[in-house]
Structure formats: structure tokens, C-alpha cells
């Protein structure tokens, strides 16, 4: 699951998507849209050309057009499917961790929790709480409640020191 997140696949997929949307985009345009350096785009485009996924044609002296080949279309589809599978796997794993932690919350005698952190996995934890009929409180500091703390791809349970 994490192998996908650490690989080049997300960049390749995003570049293929951008080229498909605008074949006349410059590497500077692509870099700005993707939030990466021009050199990074250049490296990936050369790599995609080398793999036969993108074809480059010269429009003018300094102007290029990038075309996705049939192999590139197949690769884009494969990368998109892989991305969805990894995302769903991460969703399922996070949901299962949250359910296990909510069992610990119940076993400790609590019926409410606080969910703290940023990102999409916080939403997964909140939805799991709703599904498990455990209300989510909004403030970490004002209550003596267990906290599901989301940090990156990690979800941890912090129980209060004293149970009142």
C-alpha cells in the first residue's frame, strides 16, 4: 500500500492527465499546475517518452506538443486504477484501526471521543465514530475525553489520565 505512495506513479499519472487535457502545455505550465519544479517535469516527461507513453512533436522552433500514445493511455488507466485501489486500501485500513480504537474507548468506559489532526484520514475517523454511534466532541483541551489523534497515516488513541 505505501509502496505506491513512495513511488513515481502519482507524478506520472498527474503528468499524463495534464498532457491529455492540454497537449500544447509547456513544461513550465505543467510544473505550475502540478506544483513541482520544471526540472522534475522535464525528468518525468523524458521518462514517459522513453517508455513510449508520450510522443513529442515540434510545433515551432521552441514549441512542443505532447501526445499520449495508445500505450500511454493504457498506462494512465492502469495508474489510475492502482491509485484507487491503494486509496481504498488505506481507507479500509484506517477505518479498521479506528474501529479497534473505538472498542478500546468503550472498554475504558467512555461514550464520546475527540478526533484531532488534519487530512482526509480525520474524516475517515469521524465517519467511523458516527457509524459506531460514538459522538465526536469538537475541542481537545476543554474536556477529559479520549482523543483519536491522526498524524499522517497514523491513528493513535490517547486516553485521559484519570477517568472521572
N, C-alpha and C. Protein backbone atom coordinates (compact mmCIF):
# COMPACT_ATOMS: atom_id res chain seq x y z
N UNK A 1 0.83 -1.19 0.00
CA UNK A 1 0.00 0.00 0.00
C UNK A 1 0.87 1.25 0.00
N UNK A 2 1.83 1.35 0.91
CA UNK A 2 2.68 2.53 0.95
C UNK A 2 3.67 2.58 -0.20
N UNK A 3 3.92 1.45 -0.85
CA UNK A 3 4.84 1.44 -1.99
C UNK A 3 4.35 2.39 -3.07
N UNK A 4 3.05 2.43 -3.26
CA UNK A 4 2.51 3.34 -4.28
C UNK A 4 2.75 4.79 -3.88
N UNK A 5 2.57 5.10 -2.60
CA UNK A 5 2.70 6.47 -2.15
C UNK A 5 4.13 6.97 -2.27
N UNK A 6 5.11 6.06 -2.21
CA UNK A 6 6.51 6.46 -2.28
C UNK A 6 7.09 6.32 -3.68
N UNK A 7 6.31 5.90 -4.63
CA UNK A 7 6.83 5.66 -5.97
C UNK A 7 6.62 6.87 -6.87
N UNK A 8 7.04 6.74 -8.11
CA UNK A 8 6.87 7.80 -9.10
C UNK A 8 5.48 7.79 -9.72
N UNK A 9 4.70 6.78 -9.46
CA UNK A 9 3.40 6.63 -10.12
C UNK A 9 2.48 7.83 -10.01
N UNK A 10 2.33 8.45 -8.82
CA UNK A 10 1.41 9.60 -8.76
C UNK A 10 1.84 10.74 -9.68
N UNK A 11 3.14 10.98 -9.77
CA UNK A 11 3.63 12.05 -10.65
C UNK A 11 3.38 11.70 -12.12
N UNK A 12 3.65 10.47 -12.47
CA UNK A 12 3.43 10.06 -13.85
C UNK A 12 1.95 10.17 -14.21
N UNK A 13 1.09 9.74 -13.32
CA UNK A 13 -0.35 9.82 -13.57
C UNK A 13 -0.78 11.27 -13.74
N UNK A 14 -0.34 12.14 -12.86
CA UNK A 14 -0.74 13.55 -12.94
C UNK A 14 -0.22 14.21 -14.21
N UNK A 15 1.00 13.89 -14.61
CA UNK A 15 1.56 14.47 -15.84
C UNK A 15 0.79 13.95 -17.05
N UNK A 16 0.50 12.66 -17.09
CA UNK A 16 -0.29 12.11 -18.20
C UNK A 16 -1.67 12.76 -18.26
N UNK A 17 -2.29 12.98 -17.12
CA UNK A 17 -3.60 13.64 -17.10
C UNK A 17 -3.51 15.06 -17.64
N UNK A 18 -2.48 15.79 -17.24
CA UNK A 18 -2.32 17.18 -17.69
C UNK A 18 -2.02 17.24 -19.19
N UNK A 19 -1.18 16.33 -19.67
CA UNK A 19 -0.87 16.30 -21.10
C UNK A 19 -2.12 15.96 -21.90
N UNK A 20 -2.93 15.05 -21.39
CA UNK A 20 -4.17 14.70 -22.08
C UNK A 20 -5.10 15.91 -22.17
N UNK A 21 -5.17 16.70 -21.10
CA UNK A 21 -6.04 17.88 -21.09
C UNK A 21 -5.52 18.99 -22.01
N UNK A 22 -4.20 19.15 -22.06
CA UNK A 22 -3.61 20.24 -22.84
C UNK A 22 -2.30 19.79 -23.46
N UNK A 23 -2.34 19.19 -24.66
CA UNK A 23 -1.12 18.69 -25.30
C UNK A 23 -0.11 19.79 -25.64
N UNK A 24 -0.57 21.04 -25.72
CA UNK A 24 0.32 22.14 -26.07
C UNK A 24 0.92 22.84 -24.85
N UNK A 25 0.66 22.33 -23.67
CA UNK A 25 1.20 22.94 -22.46
C UNK A 25 2.72 22.84 -22.46
N UNK A 26 3.36 23.88 -21.97
CA UNK A 26 4.82 23.85 -21.84
C UNK A 26 5.17 23.11 -20.55
N UNK A 27 6.44 22.77 -20.42
CA UNK A 27 6.87 22.14 -19.18
C UNK A 27 6.70 23.11 -18.01
N UNK A 28 6.87 24.39 -18.26
CA UNK A 28 6.64 25.39 -17.20
C UNK A 28 5.17 25.40 -16.79
N UNK A 29 4.26 25.30 -17.76
CA UNK A 29 2.83 25.21 -17.45
C UNK A 29 2.53 23.98 -16.60
N UNK A 30 3.08 22.84 -17.03
CA UNK A 30 2.86 21.60 -16.29
C UNK A 30 3.40 21.70 -14.87
N UNK A 31 4.58 22.27 -14.74
CA UNK A 31 5.19 22.42 -13.41
C UNK A 31 4.33 23.29 -12.51
N UNK A 32 3.81 24.38 -13.05
CA UNK A 32 2.96 25.27 -12.25
C UNK A 32 1.67 24.56 -11.83
N UNK A 33 1.07 23.82 -12.73
CA UNK A 33 -0.18 23.12 -12.40
C UNK A 33 0.02 22.03 -11.36
N UNK A 34 1.18 21.38 -11.43
CA UNK A 34 1.44 20.26 -10.53
C UNK A 34 2.15 20.67 -9.25
N UNK A 35 2.64 21.90 -9.21
CA UNK A 35 3.33 22.38 -8.02
C UNK A 35 4.70 21.74 -7.82
N UNK A 36 5.40 21.49 -8.92
CA UNK A 36 6.74 20.91 -8.85
C UNK A 36 7.69 21.76 -9.70
N UNK A 37 8.97 21.48 -9.61
CA UNK A 37 9.97 22.22 -10.38
C UNK A 37 9.92 21.81 -11.85
N UNK A 38 10.32 22.73 -12.72
CA UNK A 38 10.36 22.44 -14.16
C UNK A 38 11.28 21.26 -14.44
N UNK A 39 12.40 21.20 -13.74
CA UNK A 39 13.33 20.09 -13.93
C UNK A 39 12.69 18.74 -13.61
N UNK A 40 11.82 18.73 -12.62
CA UNK A 40 11.11 17.50 -12.27
C UNK A 40 10.19 17.08 -13.41
N UNK A 41 9.45 18.04 -13.96
CA UNK A 41 8.57 17.75 -15.09
C UNK A 41 9.40 17.25 -16.27
N UNK A 42 10.52 17.91 -16.54
CA UNK A 42 11.39 17.52 -17.64
C UNK A 42 11.84 16.07 -17.48
N UNK A 43 12.24 15.71 -16.27
CA UNK A 43 12.70 14.35 -16.00
C UNK A 43 11.59 13.34 -16.25
N UNK A 44 10.39 13.62 -15.75
CA UNK A 44 9.27 12.70 -15.93
C UNK A 44 8.83 12.62 -17.39
N UNK A 45 8.81 13.75 -18.08
CA UNK A 45 8.42 13.73 -19.50
C UNK A 45 9.41 12.89 -20.29
N UNK A 46 10.71 13.08 -20.06
CA UNK A 46 11.72 12.27 -20.76
C UNK A 46 11.52 10.79 -20.45
N UNK A 47 11.21 10.50 -19.22
CA UNK A 47 10.99 9.11 -18.81
C UNK A 47 9.75 8.53 -19.52
N UNK A 48 8.67 9.31 -19.58
CA UNK A 48 7.45 8.86 -20.26
C UNK A 48 7.68 8.68 -21.76
N UNK A 49 8.48 9.57 -22.35
CA UNK A 49 8.83 9.44 -23.77
C UNK A 49 9.65 8.16 -23.97
N UNK A 50 10.62 7.93 -23.08
CA UNK A 50 11.45 6.74 -23.17
C UNK A 50 10.67 5.44 -23.05
N UNK A 51 9.63 5.46 -22.26
CA UNK A 51 8.78 4.27 -22.09
C UNK A 51 7.79 4.10 -23.25
N UNK A 52 7.69 5.12 -24.11
CA UNK A 52 6.75 5.06 -25.22
C UNK A 52 5.34 5.48 -24.86
N UNK A 53 5.18 6.15 -23.73
CA UNK A 53 3.85 6.59 -23.29
C UNK A 53 3.48 7.97 -23.81
N UNK A 54 4.49 8.74 -24.18
CA UNK A 54 4.26 10.10 -24.70
C UNK A 54 5.12 10.28 -25.94
N UNK A 55 4.55 10.94 -26.94
CA UNK A 55 5.28 11.28 -28.17
C UNK A 55 5.39 12.80 -28.21
N UNK A 56 6.55 13.29 -28.61
CA UNK A 56 6.78 14.74 -28.68
C UNK A 56 6.92 15.14 -30.14
N UNK A 57 6.17 16.16 -30.54
CA UNK A 57 6.32 16.73 -31.88
C UNK A 57 6.62 18.22 -31.74
N UNK A 58 7.43 18.72 -32.66
CA UNK A 58 7.81 20.13 -32.62
C UNK A 58 6.81 20.95 -33.43
N UNK A 59 6.21 21.96 -32.77
CA UNK A 59 5.27 22.85 -33.46
C UNK A 59 6.00 24.02 -34.09
N UNK A 60 6.85 24.64 -33.30
CA UNK A 60 7.67 25.75 -33.75
C UNK A 60 9.07 25.52 -33.19
N UNK A 61 9.93 26.48 -33.44
CA UNK A 61 11.32 26.31 -33.02
C UNK A 61 11.43 25.96 -31.54
N UNK A 62 10.69 26.66 -30.70
CA UNK A 62 10.79 26.43 -29.26
C UNK A 62 9.48 25.92 -28.65
N UNK A 63 8.64 25.40 -29.47
CA UNK A 63 7.31 24.98 -29.00
C UNK A 63 7.11 23.50 -29.31
N UNK A 64 6.66 22.74 -28.30
CA UNK A 64 6.46 21.31 -28.45
C UNK A 64 5.00 20.95 -28.17
N UNK A 65 4.59 19.84 -28.73
CA UNK A 65 3.27 19.27 -28.41
C UNK A 65 3.53 17.86 -27.89
N UNK A 66 2.86 17.55 -26.79
CA UNK A 66 2.99 16.23 -26.19
C UNK A 66 1.71 15.45 -26.48
N UNK A 67 1.87 14.26 -27.02
CA UNK A 67 0.72 13.41 -27.33
C UNK A 67 0.85 12.10 -26.58
N UNK A 68 -0.22 11.69 -25.96
CA UNK A 68 -0.21 10.41 -25.26
C UNK A 68 -0.44 9.31 -26.29
N UNK A 69 0.42 8.33 -26.29
CA UNK A 69 0.32 7.20 -27.21
C UNK A 69 -0.74 6.22 -26.69
N UNK A 70 -1.15 5.28 -27.52
CA UNK A 70 -2.07 4.24 -27.02
C UNK A 70 -1.51 3.51 -25.79
N UNK A 71 -0.19 3.28 -25.79
CA UNK A 71 0.44 2.67 -24.61
C UNK A 71 0.33 3.59 -23.41
N UNK A 72 0.45 4.90 -23.65
CA UNK A 72 0.33 5.88 -22.57
C UNK A 72 -1.08 5.94 -22.01
N UNK A 73 -2.07 5.80 -22.88
CA UNK A 73 -3.46 5.77 -22.42
C UNK A 73 -3.70 4.54 -21.54
N UNK A 74 -3.16 3.41 -21.97
CA UNK A 74 -3.30 2.19 -21.17
C UNK A 74 -2.58 2.35 -19.83
N UNK A 75 -1.41 2.95 -19.85
CA UNK A 75 -0.65 3.17 -18.61
C UNK A 75 -1.39 4.12 -17.68
N UNK A 76 -1.96 5.17 -18.24
CA UNK A 76 -2.73 6.13 -17.43
C UNK A 76 -3.90 5.43 -16.76
N UNK A 77 -4.58 4.58 -17.49
CA UNK A 77 -5.70 3.81 -16.92
C UNK A 77 -5.21 2.88 -15.81
N UNK A 78 -4.10 2.22 -16.06
CA UNK A 78 -3.54 1.31 -15.05
C UNK A 78 -3.15 2.08 -13.79
N UNK A 79 -2.48 3.23 -13.97
CA UNK A 79 -2.06 4.04 -12.82
C UNK A 79 -3.26 4.57 -12.05
N UNK A 80 -4.29 4.98 -12.77
CA UNK A 80 -5.50 5.49 -12.10
C UNK A 80 -6.16 4.38 -11.29
N UNK A 81 -6.25 3.19 -11.86
CA UNK A 81 -6.84 2.06 -11.14
C UNK A 81 -6.00 1.71 -9.91
N UNK A 82 -4.70 1.71 -10.08
CA UNK A 82 -3.80 1.42 -8.95
C UNK A 82 -3.98 2.46 -7.84
N UNK A 83 -4.11 3.71 -8.22
CA UNK A 83 -4.31 4.79 -7.25
C UNK A 83 -5.61 4.58 -6.46
N UNK A 84 -6.67 4.23 -7.16
CA UNK A 84 -7.96 3.99 -6.50
C UNK A 84 -7.85 2.79 -5.55
N UNK A 85 -7.20 1.73 -5.99
CA UNK A 85 -7.05 0.55 -5.15
C UNK A 85 -6.26 0.86 -3.89
N UNK A 86 -5.18 1.61 -4.03
CA UNK A 86 -4.36 1.98 -2.87
C UNK A 86 -5.15 2.89 -1.94
N UNK A 87 -5.87 3.84 -2.51
CA UNK A 87 -6.67 4.76 -1.70
C UNK A 87 -7.74 4.01 -0.92
N UNK A 88 -8.42 3.08 -1.57
CA UNK A 88 -9.45 2.30 -0.89
C UNK A 88 -8.83 1.39 0.17
N UNK A 89 -7.66 0.86 -0.11
CA UNK A 89 -6.96 0.04 0.89
C UNK A 89 -6.60 0.86 2.11
N UNK A 90 -6.14 2.08 1.89
CA UNK A 90 -5.80 2.96 3.01
C UNK A 90 -7.07 3.33 3.79
N UNK A 91 -8.15 3.59 3.08
CA UNK A 91 -9.43 3.90 3.74
C UNK A 91 -9.86 2.73 4.62
N UNK A 92 -9.83 1.52 4.07
CA UNK A 92 -10.27 0.34 4.83
C UNK A 92 -9.37 0.10 6.05
N UNK A 93 -8.06 0.24 5.86
CA UNK A 93 -7.13 0.02 6.97
C UNK A 93 -7.34 1.06 8.07
N UNK A 94 -7.51 2.32 7.70
CA UNK A 94 -7.73 3.38 8.68
C UNK A 94 -9.06 3.15 9.40
N UNK A 95 -10.06 2.77 8.68
CA UNK A 95 -11.38 2.51 9.27
C UNK A 95 -11.28 1.37 10.28
N UNK A 96 -10.55 0.31 9.94
CA UNK A 96 -10.40 -0.83 10.86
C UNK A 96 -9.63 -0.42 12.11
N UNK A 97 -8.56 0.35 11.95
CA UNK A 97 -7.80 0.84 13.11
C UNK A 97 -8.71 1.68 14.00
N UNK A 98 -9.48 2.58 13.40
CA UNK A 98 -10.39 3.43 14.17
C UNK A 98 -11.43 2.58 14.90
N UNK A 99 -11.97 1.56 14.26
CA UNK A 99 -12.95 0.70 14.92
C UNK A 99 -12.33 -0.02 16.12
N UNK A 100 -11.10 -0.51 15.96
CA UNK A 100 -10.41 -1.17 17.07
C UNK A 100 -10.18 -0.20 18.23
N UNK A 101 -9.77 1.02 17.90
CA UNK A 101 -9.53 2.02 18.94
C UNK A 101 -10.83 2.42 19.63
N UNK A 102 -11.92 2.49 18.88
CA UNK A 102 -13.21 2.81 19.48
C UNK A 102 -13.69 1.69 20.41
N UNK A 103 -13.32 0.45 20.12
CA UNK A 103 -13.60 -0.65 21.05
C UNK A 103 -12.86 -0.41 22.37
N UNK A 104 -11.61 0.05 22.28
CA UNK A 104 -10.84 0.37 23.49
C UNK A 104 -11.49 1.52 24.26
N UNK A 105 -12.00 2.50 23.53
CA UNK A 105 -12.68 3.64 24.17
C UNK A 105 -13.88 3.13 24.97
N UNK A 106 -14.68 2.28 24.37
CA UNK A 106 -15.86 1.72 25.06
C UNK A 106 -15.44 0.89 26.27
N UNK A 107 -14.39 0.06 26.08
CA UNK A 107 -13.90 -0.78 27.18
C UNK A 107 -13.41 0.06 28.35
N UNK A 108 -12.91 1.26 28.06
CA UNK A 108 -12.41 2.16 29.12
C UNK A 108 -13.55 2.95 29.77
N UNK A 109 -14.78 2.75 29.28
CA UNK A 109 -15.93 3.38 29.90
C UNK A 109 -16.33 4.73 29.33
N UNK A 110 -15.83 5.07 28.17
CA UNK A 110 -16.17 6.35 27.55
C UNK A 110 -17.20 6.15 26.45
N UNK A 111 -17.99 7.19 26.23
CA UNK A 111 -19.00 7.11 25.17
C UNK A 111 -18.85 8.24 24.15
N UNK A 112 -17.85 9.10 24.34
CA UNK A 112 -17.56 10.20 23.41
C UNK A 112 -16.05 10.24 23.17
N UNK A 113 -15.65 10.81 22.06
CA UNK A 113 -14.22 11.00 21.77
C UNK A 113 -14.00 12.35 21.12
N UNK A 114 -12.74 12.72 21.06
CA UNK A 114 -12.30 13.87 20.29
C UNK A 114 -11.44 13.30 19.16
N UNK A 115 -11.62 13.79 17.95
CA UNK A 115 -10.77 13.40 16.82
C UNK A 115 -9.93 14.62 16.48
N UNK A 116 -8.60 14.45 16.53
CA UNK A 116 -7.70 15.58 16.32
C UNK A 116 -6.70 15.25 15.22
N UNK A 117 -6.42 16.22 14.37
CA UNK A 117 -5.45 16.06 13.30
C UNK A 117 -5.93 16.75 12.04
N UNK A 118 -5.20 16.55 10.97
CA UNK A 118 -5.53 17.15 9.68
C UNK A 118 -5.54 16.08 8.61
N UNK A 119 -6.26 16.36 7.54
CA UNK A 119 -6.23 15.50 6.38
C UNK A 119 -7.45 14.62 6.24
N UNK A 120 -7.44 13.85 5.18
CA UNK A 120 -8.57 13.00 4.82
C UNK A 120 -8.82 11.89 5.84
N UNK A 121 -7.75 11.41 6.49
CA UNK A 121 -7.93 10.32 7.44
C UNK A 121 -8.70 10.76 8.67
N UNK A 122 -8.67 12.05 9.00
CA UNK A 122 -9.50 12.58 10.09
C UNK A 122 -10.97 12.37 9.74
N UNK A 123 -11.32 12.63 8.49
CA UNK A 123 -12.70 12.43 8.05
C UNK A 123 -13.11 10.96 8.14
N UNK A 124 -12.19 10.07 7.78
CA UNK A 124 -12.47 8.64 7.89
C UNK A 124 -12.74 8.27 9.35
N UNK A 125 -11.94 8.81 10.27
CA UNK A 125 -12.14 8.53 11.70
C UNK A 125 -13.47 9.08 12.19
N UNK A 126 -13.79 10.30 11.78
CA UNK A 126 -15.08 10.89 12.20
C UNK A 126 -16.26 10.06 11.68
N UNK A 127 -16.20 9.65 10.43
CA UNK A 127 -17.27 8.83 9.87
C UNK A 127 -17.39 7.49 10.58
N UNK A 128 -16.24 6.92 10.95
CA UNK A 128 -16.26 5.66 11.69
C UNK A 128 -16.90 5.84 13.06
N UNK A 129 -16.61 6.97 13.71
CA UNK A 129 -17.25 7.27 15.00
C UNK A 129 -18.77 7.35 14.84
N UNK A 130 -19.21 8.06 13.81
CA UNK A 130 -20.65 8.17 13.57
C UNK A 130 -21.27 6.80 13.32
N UNK A 131 -20.58 6.00 12.51
CA UNK A 131 -21.06 4.66 12.20
C UNK A 131 -21.16 3.80 13.46
N UNK A 132 -20.24 4.00 14.40
CA UNK A 132 -20.21 3.22 15.64
C UNK A 132 -21.03 3.87 16.76
N UNK A 133 -21.78 4.92 16.43
CA UNK A 133 -22.64 5.64 17.39
C UNK A 133 -21.85 6.22 18.56
N UNK A 134 -20.66 6.72 18.27
CA UNK A 134 -19.85 7.40 19.27
C UNK A 134 -19.75 8.87 18.86
N UNK A 135 -20.37 9.76 19.64
CA UNK A 135 -20.32 11.19 19.31
C UNK A 135 -18.89 11.73 19.35
N UNK A 136 -18.62 12.68 18.47
CA UNK A 136 -17.31 13.33 18.40
C UNK A 136 -17.44 14.72 18.97
N UNK A 137 -16.63 15.02 19.99
CA UNK A 137 -16.59 16.36 20.57
C UNK A 137 -15.61 17.20 19.79
N UNK A 138 -15.79 18.51 19.86
CA UNK A 138 -15.01 19.39 18.99
C UNK A 138 -13.69 19.87 19.58
N UNK A 139 -13.55 19.94 20.88
CA UNK A 139 -12.36 20.56 21.46
C UNK A 139 -11.53 19.55 22.24
N UNK A 140 -10.22 19.56 21.98
CA UNK A 140 -9.31 18.65 22.67
C UNK A 140 -9.08 19.12 24.10
N UNK A 141 -8.88 20.41 24.32
CA UNK A 141 -8.42 20.91 25.61
C UNK A 141 -9.51 21.06 26.66
N UNK A 142 -10.75 21.23 26.26
CA UNK A 142 -11.78 21.57 27.23
C UNK A 142 -12.43 20.37 27.89
N UNK A 143 -12.12 19.16 27.48
CA UNK A 143 -12.82 18.01 28.03
C UNK A 143 -11.85 16.90 28.39
N UNK A 144 -12.28 16.09 29.32
CA UNK A 144 -11.48 14.95 29.76
C UNK A 144 -11.96 13.70 29.00
N UNK A 145 -11.68 13.70 27.71
CA UNK A 145 -12.16 12.63 26.83
C UNK A 145 -10.99 11.97 26.10
N UNK A 146 -11.19 10.74 25.66
CA UNK A 146 -10.17 10.10 24.82
C UNK A 146 -10.02 10.86 23.50
N UNK A 147 -8.81 10.83 22.97
CA UNK A 147 -8.52 11.53 21.72
C UNK A 147 -8.01 10.52 20.69
N UNK A 148 -8.67 10.49 19.54
CA UNK A 148 -8.11 9.78 18.38
C UNK A 148 -7.25 10.80 17.66
N UNK A 149 -5.93 10.60 17.72
CA UNK A 149 -5.01 11.58 17.14
C UNK A 149 -4.50 11.04 15.81
N UNK A 150 -4.77 11.80 14.74
CA UNK A 150 -4.35 11.42 13.40
C UNK A 150 -3.12 12.24 13.04
N UNK A 151 -2.04 11.54 12.72
CA UNK A 151 -0.79 12.20 12.33
C UNK A 151 -0.28 11.49 11.08
N UNK A 152 -0.45 12.13 9.93
CA UNK A 152 -0.07 11.49 8.67
C UNK A 152 -0.98 10.30 8.42
N UNK A 153 -0.37 9.11 8.29
CA UNK A 153 -1.15 7.90 8.05
C UNK A 153 -1.34 7.10 9.33
N UNK A 154 -1.01 7.69 10.48
CA UNK A 154 -1.09 7.00 11.76
C UNK A 154 -2.27 7.51 12.58
N UNK A 155 -2.98 6.59 13.22
CA UNK A 155 -4.07 6.94 14.13
C UNK A 155 -3.77 6.30 15.47
N UNK A 156 -3.69 7.12 16.52
CA UNK A 156 -3.38 6.63 17.87
C UNK A 156 -4.48 7.07 18.82
N UNK A 157 -4.66 6.29 19.88
CA UNK A 157 -5.63 6.62 20.92
C UNK A 157 -4.88 7.14 22.13
N UNK A 158 -5.34 8.28 22.65
CA UNK A 158 -4.81 8.84 23.89
C UNK A 158 -5.95 8.90 24.89
N UNK A 159 -5.85 8.07 25.93
CA UNK A 159 -6.86 8.07 26.98
C UNK A 159 -6.48 9.10 28.04
N UNK A 160 -7.46 9.75 28.67
CA UNK A 160 -7.16 10.68 29.76
C UNK A 160 -6.51 9.92 30.92
N UNK A 161 -5.69 10.64 31.71
CA UNK A 161 -5.00 10.00 32.84
C UNK A 161 -5.97 9.50 33.89
N UNK A 162 -6.94 10.36 34.27
CA UNK A 162 -7.90 9.92 35.27
C UNK A 162 -9.27 9.81 34.64
N UNK A 163 -9.98 8.79 34.98
CA UNK A 163 -11.30 8.57 34.41
C UNK A 163 -12.35 9.02 35.42
N UNK A 164 -12.95 10.18 35.17
CA UNK A 164 -13.97 10.70 36.08
C UNK A 164 -15.32 10.68 35.42
